[in-house]
Amino acid sequence: MFRRLLLFCSLLVSITLLSASSVVAGANGLSGEMSVLSLRGDTSEMTNDQVVELNRVGKWMDRDILKQLKRAGFKVKLIKSRKDFKGPGHLLIIDVVKFKAGNRAARAFIGFGAGSASLDLKYNLLDSRGKSRASWEDGAGSSKGGTYCAQTLNRHVIEKLKEVMK
């Protein structure tokens, strides 16, 4: 009798936890399909080292934004060009406006904000027909490096999408 009661209680707890997690996933109001196009902006005035660092930060940012969007409830994919977007769903275009890689040595040895990195991005959210739903710019700086800037901006995107896609 005790084993049956224990089994019943553990089953009840499992069902409760599973249903609570699905409610939390849908509670943010974001769902559907989202394609992401990540552009690196104008790199003509950057040195080769700066372009390499931008590409490193960009690749990290792409992986992180996909993870954040999945966590928010979207079915996501990264596309290489705008013509690859066939719908359905939305297209989020992320373009680098300005990138300052900072100086890793200064960050390591001096600290206190020396050698800080900054990243400014422009976003455009399009619907499945290619019509712009929202467009905005955001920027972040960090004494810890470019990936910390990207992480902050990716969190901001999720909050902005919650506003725009109510």
Protein backbone atom coordinates (compact mmCIF):
# COMPACT_ATOMS: atom_id res chain seq x y z
CA MET A 1 0.00 0.00 0.00
CA PHE A 2 2.82 2.39 0.93
CA ARG A 3 4.57 1.74 -2.41
CA ARG A 4 1.41 2.52 -4.35
CA LEU A 5 0.95 5.75 -2.45
CA LEU A 6 4.60 6.69 -3.07
CA LEU A 7 4.27 5.85 -6.76
CA PHE A 8 1.06 7.89 -7.03
CA CYS A 9 2.65 10.92 -5.31
CA SER A 10 5.74 10.83 -7.50
CA LEU A 11 3.54 10.55 -10.61
CA LEU A 12 1.49 13.51 -9.44
CA VAL A 13 4.60 15.60 -8.83
CA SER A 14 6.00 14.67 -12.27
CA ILE A 15 2.80 15.67 -14.05
CA THR A 16 2.67 18.94 -12.14
CA LEU A 17 6.26 19.82 -13.03
CA LEU A 18 5.79 18.96 -16.71
CA SER A 19 2.62 21.01 -17.03
CA ALA A 20 4.20 23.95 -15.18
CA SER A 21 7.19 24.00 -17.54
CA SER A 22 4.94 24.07 -20.62
CA VAL A 23 2.93 26.94 -19.12
CA VAL A 24 6.13 28.92 -18.49
CA ALA A 25 7.36 28.31 -22.06
CA GLY A 26 4.11 29.65 -23.53
CA ALA A 27 3.63 32.45 -20.99
CA ASN A 28 6.06 34.83 -22.70
CA GLY A 29 3.72 35.11 -25.70
CA LEU A 30 6.43 34.36 -28.27
CA SER A 31 6.03 31.48 -30.65
CA GLY A 32 6.17 30.61 -34.31
CA GLU A 33 9.00 30.53 -36.79
CA MET A 34 11.84 33.04 -36.86
CA SER A 35 14.64 33.27 -39.39
CA VAL A 36 17.71 35.28 -38.43
CA LEU A 37 19.99 37.07 -40.90
CA SER A 38 23.15 38.32 -39.24
CA LEU A 39 25.20 40.87 -41.18
CA ARG A 40 28.63 42.19 -40.25
CA GLY A 41 28.20 45.77 -41.48
CA ASP A 42 30.82 47.86 -43.25
CA THR A 43 34.29 46.52 -42.46
CA SER A 44 36.17 48.64 -45.03
CA GLU A 45 37.75 50.91 -42.40
CA MET A 46 38.69 48.08 -40.02
CA THR A 47 42.06 46.41 -39.76
CA ASN A 48 42.34 42.70 -40.50
CA ASP A 49 42.63 41.95 -36.76
CA GLN A 50 39.46 43.93 -36.07
CA VAL A 51 37.57 42.03 -38.79
CA VAL A 52 38.76 38.72 -37.33
CA GLU A 53 37.56 39.77 -33.87
CA LEU A 54 34.22 40.99 -35.29
CA ASN A 55 33.71 37.63 -37.01
CA ARG A 56 34.56 35.79 -33.77
CA VAL A 57 32.09 37.88 -31.78
CA GLY A 58 29.52 37.60 -34.60
CA LYS A 59 29.67 33.81 -34.67
CA TRP A 60 29.24 33.71 -30.90
CA MET A 61 26.36 36.19 -31.12
CA ASP A 62 24.62 34.11 -33.80
CA ARG A 63 24.77 30.94 -31.70
CA ASP A 64 23.56 32.80 -28.63
CA ILE A 65 20.63 34.58 -30.32
CA LEU A 66 19.43 31.27 -31.76
CA LYS A 67 19.60 29.73 -28.29
CA GLN A 68 17.77 32.70 -26.74
CA LEU A 69 15.02 32.65 -29.39
CA LYS A 70 14.52 28.90 -28.95
CA ARG A 71 14.26 29.40 -25.22
CA ALA A 72 11.65 32.12 -25.83
CA GLY A 73 9.50 29.70 -27.82
CA PHE A 74 10.51 30.19 -31.46
CA LYS A 75 11.45 27.61 -34.03
CA VAL A 76 14.56 29.32 -35.42
CA LYS A 77 17.04 29.07 -38.24
CA LEU A 78 20.02 31.14 -39.31
CA ILE A 79 20.03 32.13 -42.97
CA LYS A 80 22.91 33.42 -45.08
CA SER A 81 21.09 35.95 -47.28
CA ARG A 82 17.73 37.66 -47.45
CA LYS A 83 16.70 35.69 -50.53
CA ASP A 84 16.92 32.52 -48.38
CA PHE A 85 13.92 33.73 -46.37
CA LYS A 86 10.85 32.05 -47.80
CA GLY A 87 8.51 32.46 -44.83
CA PRO A 88 6.39 31.50 -42.98
CA GLY A 89 7.17 33.33 -39.79
CA HIS A 90 9.32 36.37 -39.26
CA LEU A 91 12.74 37.50 -40.35
CA LEU A 92 15.02 39.26 -37.88
CA ILE A 93 17.84 41.13 -39.62
CA ILE A 94 20.75 42.06 -37.36
CA ASP A 95 23.37 44.41 -38.83
CA VAL A 96 26.52 45.70 -37.17
CA VAL A 97 26.58 49.51 -37.16
CA LYS A 98 29.76 49.95 -35.12
CA PHE A 99 32.18 47.57 -33.45
CA LYS A 100 35.12 48.40 -31.21
CA ALA A 101 37.05 45.30 -30.22
CA GLY A 102 38.91 46.96 -27.39
CA ASN A 103 42.26 45.77 -26.15
CA ARG A 104 42.51 42.43 -24.38
CA ALA A 105 45.89 43.22 -22.84
CA ALA A 106 44.58 46.47 -21.35
CA ARG A 107 41.53 44.63 -19.99
CA ALA A 108 43.75 41.96 -18.42
CA PHE A 109 46.50 44.09 -16.95
CA ILE A 110 44.91 47.46 -16.22
CA GLY A 111 41.22 46.73 -15.74
CA PHE A 112 38.85 49.47 -14.56
CA GLY A 113 37.27 49.75 -18.02
CA ALA A 114 40.52 50.09 -19.92
CA GLY A 115 40.41 48.31 -23.26
CA SER A 116 36.62 47.99 -23.18
CA ALA A 117 34.69 46.73 -26.19
CA SER A 118 31.50 48.13 -27.68
CA LEU A 119 28.95 46.86 -30.17
CA ASP A 120 26.15 48.83 -31.84
CA LEU A 121 23.54 46.93 -33.86
CA LYS A 122 20.58 47.77 -36.07
CA TYR A 123 17.58 45.42 -36.07
CA ASN A 124 14.76 45.03 -38.55
CA LEU A 125 11.88 42.63 -37.94
CA LEU A 126 9.96 41.61 -41.06
CA ASP A 127 6.77 39.58 -41.33
CA SER A 128 6.32 36.65 -43.74
CA ARG A 129 5.44 39.03 -46.62
CA GLY A 130 8.60 41.09 -46.11
CA LYS A 131 6.81 44.04 -44.49
CA SER A 132 8.70 45.74 -41.66
CA ARG A 133 7.05 45.25 -38.27
CA ALA A 134 9.70 47.06 -36.25
CA SER A 135 13.12 48.62 -36.66
CA TRP A 136 15.43 49.77 -33.88
CA GLU A 137 19.05 50.27 -32.88
CA ASP A 138 20.75 49.19 -29.68
CA GLY A 139 24.26 49.22 -28.32
CA ALA A 140 26.28 47.89 -25.42
CA GLY A 141 29.76 48.23 -24.01
CA SER A 142 31.69 45.97 -21.70
CA SER A 143 35.05 45.87 -20.03
CA LYS A 144 34.87 42.07 -20.40
CA GLY A 145 34.90 41.96 -24.22
CA GLY A 146 32.72 41.78 -27.31
CA THR A 147 30.86 38.58 -26.45
CA TYR A 148 29.54 40.22 -23.28
CA CYS A 149 28.22 43.07 -25.42
CA ALA A 150 26.55 40.57 -27.75
CA GLN A 151 25.03 38.68 -24.82
CA THR A 152 23.53 41.89 -23.42
CA LEU A 153 22.14 42.89 -26.81
CA ASN A 154 20.63 39.44 -27.36
CA ARG A 155 18.76 39.71 -24.06
CA HIS A 156 17.50 43.14 -25.16
CA VAL A 157 16.21 41.63 -28.44
CA ILE A 158 14.05 39.11 -26.60
CA GLU A 159 12.53 41.88 -24.48
CA LYS A 160 11.91 44.02 -27.59
CA LEU A 161 10.25 41.09 -29.39
CA LYS A 162 7.95 40.60 -26.40
CA GLU A 163 6.87 44.26 -26.80
CA VAL A 164 6.48 44.19 -30.57
CA MET A 165 4.79 40.81 -30.96
CA LYS A 166 2.05 41.16 -28.33
